[in-house]
Amino acid sequence: MLENVKDPVQLIPVTCTYPSDKMTVNNYFLINPLCFIDAIDLSESKIKYSGSLIASIDLLHLDNNIIKGHDFFRLKKDVTLVVVSEGLVRKFTEAGTVGINFIPVEEFKI
């Protein structure tokens, strides 16, 4: 699924043990994006800062010219946020991937 993603990612193997029956599953991965892009459109976004850190986001707009061609990355101004392209979200959804939740940019708030 990530073979056509040009952005660097780290795949970290995860073993899951279900508490109900103690069954262990080894085919899960944590995906850690290693690409950081300064893509927030500050003129269109509504962001409050605490010093140099983002304290809250009421409205998030990304600069499409900057993110064009990127599928999986972190925002440089808030490395806790991971951005996934609509095309990659569609691939994850069609594959029935579990354990991941996508929030459209226009609905995102912190």
Protein backbone atom coordinates (compact mmCIF):
# COMPACT_ATOMS: atom_id res chain seq x y z
CA MET A 1 0.00 0.00 0.00
CA LEU A 2 2.88 2.37 0.75
CA GLU A 3 5.05 1.20 -2.14
CA ASN A 4 4.14 4.22 -4.32
CA VAL A 5 4.46 6.78 -1.52
CA LYS A 6 7.54 8.92 -2.17
CA ASP A 7 7.63 10.37 1.35
CA PRO A 8 9.93 8.45 3.71
CA VAL A 9 8.19 6.41 6.41
CA GLN A 10 9.35 4.08 9.14
CA LEU A 11 7.37 0.85 9.62
CA ILE A 12 7.53 -0.35 13.19
CA PRO A 13 6.29 -3.93 13.74
CA VAL A 14 3.69 -4.26 16.49
CA THR A 15 2.45 -7.41 18.21
CA CYS A 16 -1.16 -7.21 19.40
CA THR A 17 -2.52 -9.51 22.08
CA TYR A 18 -6.27 -9.56 22.48
CA PRO A 19 -7.25 -9.62 26.18
CA SER A 20 -10.42 -11.66 25.63
CA ASP A 21 -8.75 -14.79 24.28
CA LYS A 22 -5.01 -13.97 24.58
CA MET A 23 -4.67 -14.43 20.81
CA THR A 24 -1.54 -12.76 19.44
CA VAL A 25 -1.35 -11.15 16.00
CA ASN A 26 1.97 -10.08 14.47
CA ASN A 27 0.93 -8.48 11.17
CA TYR A 28 0.39 -4.90 12.41
CA PHE A 29 2.67 -1.93 11.89
CA LEU A 30 2.93 1.55 13.30
CA ILE A 31 3.61 3.94 10.41
CA ASN A 32 5.90 6.80 11.40
CA PRO A 33 6.14 9.53 8.73
CA LEU A 34 9.67 10.92 8.47
CA CYS A 35 8.81 13.80 6.12
CA PHE A 36 8.12 17.23 7.68
CA ILE A 37 6.54 19.93 5.51
CA ASP A 38 5.80 23.57 6.31
CA ALA A 39 2.40 23.41 4.58
CA ILE A 40 -0.01 25.40 6.76
CA ASP A 41 -1.64 28.29 4.88
CA LEU A 42 -1.41 30.81 7.72
CA SER A 43 -3.53 33.44 5.92
CA GLU A 44 -6.51 31.05 5.72
CA SER A 45 -6.06 29.08 8.96
CA LYS A 46 -7.22 30.07 12.43
CA ILE A 47 -4.41 29.06 14.78
CA LYS A 48 -3.49 30.22 18.28
CA TYR A 49 0.08 29.97 19.47
CA SER A 50 1.69 29.61 22.86
CA GLY A 51 5.13 30.99 22.17
CA SER A 52 6.31 29.20 19.04
CA LEU A 53 4.08 26.15 19.63
CA ILE A 54 0.57 25.68 18.29
CA ALA A 55 -1.88 25.85 21.20
CA SER A 56 -5.09 25.35 19.21
CA ILE A 57 -6.39 25.06 15.68
CA ASP A 58 -9.93 26.22 14.93
CA LEU A 59 -9.55 26.09 11.15
CA LEU A 60 -6.76 24.40 9.22
CA HIS A 61 -5.93 25.12 5.60
CA LEU A 62 -2.99 23.55 3.83
CA ASP A 63 -1.16 25.09 0.87
CA ASN A 64 -1.96 22.77 -2.04
CA ASN A 65 1.06 24.01 -4.01
CA ILE A 66 3.36 22.84 -1.21
CA ILE A 67 1.70 19.47 -0.49
CA LYS A 68 1.22 18.49 -4.14
CA GLY A 69 2.83 15.10 -4.71
CA HIS A 70 3.11 14.27 -1.01
CA ASP A 71 0.99 11.46 0.46
CA PHE A 72 2.09 10.93 4.04
CA PHE A 73 3.83 13.59 6.12
CA ARG A 74 3.93 15.57 9.36
CA LEU A 75 3.35 19.30 9.61
CA LYS A 76 6.60 21.09 10.42
CA LYS A 77 4.87 23.51 12.82
CA ASP A 78 3.13 20.68 14.73
CA VAL A 79 4.94 17.36 14.39
CA THR A 80 2.17 15.52 16.23
CA LEU A 81 -0.14 16.03 13.24
CA VAL A 82 0.09 13.52 10.42
CA VAL A 83 -1.35 14.43 7.02
CA VAL A 84 -2.44 11.70 4.61
CA SER A 85 -3.49 12.42 1.03
CA GLU A 86 -7.05 11.66 -0.08
CA GLY A 87 -5.70 9.06 -2.51
CA LEU A 88 -3.85 7.19 0.23
CA VAL A 89 -6.88 7.42 2.56
CA ARG A 90 -8.93 5.81 -0.22
CA LYS A 91 -6.37 2.98 -0.53
CA PHE A 92 -6.39 2.32 3.23
CA THR A 93 -10.20 2.37 3.29
CA GLU A 94 -10.61 0.08 0.27
CA ALA A 95 -8.11 -2.37 1.79
CA GLY A 96 -10.18 -2.52 5.00
CA THR A 97 -7.29 -1.27 7.14
CA VAL A 98 -8.18 -1.22 10.84
CA GLY A 99 -6.77 0.76 13.75
CA ILE A 100 -6.49 4.05 11.89
CA ASN A 101 -8.80 7.06 11.93
CA PHE A 102 -8.82 9.82 9.32
CA ILE A 103 -10.21 13.29 9.97
CA PRO A 104 -10.77 15.53 6.91
CA VAL A 105 -8.69 18.73 7.13
CA GLU A 106 -11.84 20.88 7.01
CA GLU A 107 -13.18 19.11 10.14
CA PHE A 108 -9.90 19.08 12.09
CA LYS A 109 -9.67 21.08 15.35
CA ILE A 110 -7.49 20.92 18.45
